[in-house]
């Protein structure tokens, strides 16, 4: 038995409607998926920018602390060395020689600009 004309027209109309709907819906779904991916990538870009900015701020804040810490370490090492030297028990050399850095006050010529 052959389908009736009405059934064939209904079948063709359904087929045309399905093809037309898929042709219209496919770009819309693709556009929706692209928009979703674009939103995802935008959110990632914003989060990466925030992380990069916070790292820059942390580096700027850490720089003086690192410099101060290094100076403190150097000062501590120098202080330790000087303290070890000061507390060493090496005997001092005793000598009868007198060390003078300049002429004796009585030997100064007081006729110059330093005249009293």
C-alpha atoms as a PDB file:
ATOM      1  CA  UNK A   1       0.000   0.000   0.000  1.00  0.00           C
ATOM      2  CA  UNK A   2       1.272   3.393  -1.001  1.00  0.00           C
ATOM      3  CA  UNK A   3       1.271   6.235   1.486  1.00  0.00           C
ATOM      4  CA  UNK A   4      -1.273   8.890   0.850  1.00  0.00           C
ATOM      5  CA  UNK A   5      -0.388  12.221  -0.631  1.00  0.00           C
ATOM      6  CA  UNK A   6      -0.974  13.920   2.678  1.00  0.00           C
ATOM      7  CA  UNK A   7       1.352  11.524   4.464  1.00  0.00           C
ATOM      8  CA  UNK A   8       4.074  12.038   1.847  1.00  0.00           C
ATOM      9  CA  UNK A   9       3.720  15.833   2.089  1.00  0.00           C
ATOM     10  CA  UNK A  10       3.837  15.630   5.884  1.00  0.00           C
ATOM     11  CA  UNK A  11       6.926  13.447   5.691  1.00  0.00           C
ATOM     12  CA  UNK A  12       8.636  15.832   3.246  1.00  0.00           C
ATOM     13  CA  UNK A  13       7.663  18.833   5.351  1.00  0.00           C
ATOM     14  CA  UNK A  14       9.092  17.174   8.430  1.00  0.00           C
ATOM     15  CA  UNK A  15      12.296  16.395   6.554  1.00  0.00           C
ATOM     16  CA  UNK A  16      12.593  19.973   5.240  1.00  0.00           C
ATOM     17  CA  UNK A  17      11.861  21.348   8.707  1.00  0.00           C
ATOM     18  CA  UNK A  18      14.505  19.086  10.288  1.00  0.00           C
ATOM     19  CA  UNK A  19      17.136  20.080   7.704  1.00  0.00           C
ATOM     20  CA  UNK A  20      16.282  23.765   8.042  1.00  0.00           C
ATOM     21  CA  UNK A  21      16.282  23.610  11.821  1.00  0.00           C
ATOM     22  CA  UNK A  22      19.658  21.844  11.926  1.00  0.00           C
ATOM     23  CA  UNK A  23      21.082  24.384   9.478  1.00  0.00           C
ATOM     24  CA  UNK A  24      19.882  27.217  11.715  1.00  0.00           C
ATOM     25  CA  UNK A  25      20.668  25.566  15.055  1.00  0.00           C
ATOM     26  CA  UNK A  26      24.199  24.371  14.217  1.00  0.00           C
ATOM     27  CA  UNK A  27      25.752  27.869  13.830  1.00  0.00           C
ATOM     28  CA  UNK A  28      23.830  29.037  16.889  1.00  0.00           C
ATOM     29  CA  UNK A  29      25.200  26.157  18.946  1.00  0.00           C
ATOM     30  CA  UNK A  30      28.695  26.775  17.586  1.00  0.00           C
ATOM     31  CA  UNK A  31      28.399  30.474  18.380  1.00  0.00           C
ATOM     32  CA  UNK A  32      27.181  29.611  21.865  1.00  0.00           C
ATOM     33  CA  UNK A  33      30.109  27.239  22.355  1.00  0.00           C
ATOM     34  CA  UNK A  34      32.563  29.855  21.051  1.00  0.00           C
ATOM     35  CA  UNK A  35      31.082  32.482  23.350  1.00  0.00           C
ATOM     36  CA  UNK A  36      31.382  30.073  26.252  1.00  0.00           C
ATOM     37  CA  UNK A  37      35.029  29.382  25.407  1.00  0.00           C
ATOM     38  CA  UNK A  38      35.697  33.105  24.983  1.00  0.00           C
ATOM     39  CA  UNK A  39      34.221  33.765  28.403  1.00  0.00           C
ATOM     40  CA  UNK A  40      36.357  30.992  29.866  1.00  0.00           C
ATOM     41  CA  UNK A  41      39.501  32.403  28.244  1.00  0.00           C
ATOM     42  CA  UNK A  42      38.632  35.903  29.438  1.00  0.00           C
ATOM     43  CA  UNK A  43      38.231  34.646  32.991  1.00  0.00           C
ATOM     44  CA  UNK A  44      41.596  32.877  32.740  1.00  0.00           C
ATOM     45  CA  UNK A  45      43.213  36.049  31.392  1.00  0.00           C
ATOM     46  CA  UNK A  46      41.812  38.087  34.274  1.00  0.00           C
ATOM     47  CA  UNK A  47      43.015  35.556  36.837  1.00  0.00           C
ATOM     48  CA  UNK A  48      46.470  35.360  35.212  1.00  0.00           C
ATOM     49  CA  UNK A  49      46.696  39.160  35.237  1.00  0.00           C
ATOM     50  CA  UNK A  50      45.773  39.250  38.918  1.00  0.00           C
ATOM     51  CA  UNK A  51      48.362  36.577  39.739  1.00  0.00           C
ATOM     52  CA  UNK A  52      51.069  38.337  37.715  1.00  0.00           C
ATOM     53  CA  UNK A  53      50.255  41.661  39.403  1.00  0.00           C
ATOM     54  CA  UNK A  54      50.410  40.099  42.854  1.00  0.00           C
ATOM     55  CA  UNK A  55      53.781  38.528  42.004  1.00  0.00           C
ATOM     56  CA  UNK A  56      55.152  41.919  40.944  1.00  0.00           C
ATOM     57  CA  UNK A  57      53.898  43.502  44.169  1.00  0.00           C
ATOM     58  CA  UNK A  58      55.430  40.664  46.191  1.00  0.00           C
ATOM     59  CA  UNK A  59      58.788  41.088  44.428  1.00  0.00           C
ATOM     60  CA  UNK A  60      58.768  44.844  45.039  1.00  0.00           C
ATOM     61  CA  UNK A  61      57.910  44.294  48.698  1.00  0.00           C
ATOM     62  CA  UNK A  62      60.520  41.547  49.107  1.00  0.00           C
ATOM     63  CA  UNK A  63      63.437  43.459  47.547  1.00  0.00           C
ATOM     64  CA  UNK A  64      64.172  45.773  50.517  1.00  0.00           C
ATOM     65  CA  UNK A  65      63.649  42.891  52.914  1.00  0.00           C
ATOM     66  CA  UNK A  66      66.151  40.735  51.042  1.00  0.00           C
ATOM     67  CA  UNK A  67      68.654  43.586  50.876  1.00  0.00           C
ATOM     68  CA  UNK A  68      68.200  44.330  54.576  1.00  0.00           C
ATOM     69  CA  UNK A  69      68.503  40.641  55.385  1.00  0.00           C
ATOM     70  CA  UNK A  70      71.729  40.344  53.389  1.00  0.00           C
ATOM     71  CA  UNK A  71      73.128  43.456  55.083  1.00  0.00           C
ATOM     72  CA  UNK A  72      72.101  42.056  58.451  1.00  0.00           C
ATOM     73  CA  UNK A  73      73.845  38.770  57.657  1.00  0.00           C
ATOM     74  CA  UNK A  74      77.011  40.625  56.625  1.00  0.00           C
ATOM     75  CA  UNK A  75      76.849  42.800  59.748  1.00  0.00           C
ATOM     76  CA  UNK A  76      76.334  39.731  61.909  1.00  0.00           C
ATOM     77  CA  UNK A  77      79.343  37.962  60.361  1.00  0.00           C
ATOM     78  CA  UNK A  78      81.496  41.065  60.794  1.00  0.00           C
ATOM     79  CA  UNK A  79      80.311  41.491  64.368  1.00  0.00           C
ATOM     80  CA  UNK A  80      81.071  37.856  65.150  1.00  0.00           C
ATOM     81  CA  UNK A  81      84.563  38.186  63.698  1.00  0.00           C
ATOM     82  CA  UNK A  82      85.279  41.341  65.691  1.00  0.00           C
ATOM     83  CA  UNK A  83      83.891  39.799  68.873  1.00  0.00           C
ATOM     84  CA  UNK A  84      86.037  36.678  68.448  1.00  0.00           C
ATOM     85  CA  UNK A  85      89.057  38.936  67.967  1.00  0.00           C
ATOM     86  CA  UNK A  86      88.155  41.022  71.030  1.00  0.00           C
ATOM     87  CA  UNK A  87      87.657  37.956  73.224  1.00  0.00           C
ATOM     88  CA  UNK A  88      90.740  36.107  72.040  1.00  0.00           C
ATOM     89  CA  UNK A  89      93.239  35.263  74.778  1.00  0.00           C
ATOM     90  CA  UNK A  90      96.376  35.961  72.799  1.00  0.00           C
ATOM     91  CA  UNK A  91      98.963  37.670  75.007  1.00  0.00           C
ATOM     92  CA  UNK A  92      99.815  41.252  74.093  1.00  0.00           C
ATOM     93  CA  UNK A  93     103.399  42.049  73.265  1.00  0.00           C
ATOM     94  CA  UNK A  94     104.964  44.317  75.860  1.00  0.00           C
ATOM     95  CA  UNK A  95     107.712  46.624  74.614  1.00  0.00           C
ATOM     96  CA  UNK A  96     109.885  49.378  76.074  1.00  0.00           C
ATOM     97  CA  UNK A  97     109.575  51.378  72.842  1.00  0.00           C
ATOM     98  CA  UNK A  98     107.268  54.371  72.799  1.00  0.00           C
ATOM     99  CA  UNK A  99     105.275  55.011  69.690  1.00  0.00           C
ATOM    100  CA  UNK A 100     104.524  58.622  68.892  1.00  0.00           C
ATOM    101  CA  UNK A 101     102.217  59.643  66.092  1.00  0.00           C
ATOM    102  CA  UNK A 102     103.410  63.226  65.831  1.00  0.00           C
ATOM    103  CA  UNK A 103     105.802  65.668  67.436  1.00  0.00           C
ATOM    104  CA  UNK A 104     105.572  66.327  71.141  1.00  0.00           C
ATOM    105  CA  UNK A 105     103.438  69.328  72.021  1.00  0.00           C
ATOM    106  CA  UNK A 106     106.500  71.233  73.328  1.00  0.00           C
ATOM    107  CA  UNK A 107     108.187  70.817  69.918  1.00  0.00           C
ATOM    108  CA  UNK A 108     105.343  72.393  67.941  1.00  0.00           C
ATOM    109  CA  UNK A 109     106.053  75.696  66.228  1.00  0.00           C
ATOM    110  CA  UNK A 110     103.409  78.058  67.574  1.00  0.00           C
ATOM    111  CA  UNK A 111     104.305  80.962  65.300  1.00  0.00           C
ATOM    112  CA  UNK A 112     102.028  79.794  62.457  1.00  0.00           C
ATOM    113  CA  UNK A 113      98.258  79.981  62.054  1.00  0.00           C
ATOM    114  CA  UNK A 114      97.797  77.764  65.099  1.00  0.00           C
ATOM    115  CA  UNK A 115      99.363  80.363  67.373  1.00  0.00           C
ATOM    116  CA  UNK A 116      97.802  80.587  70.810  1.00  0.00           C
END
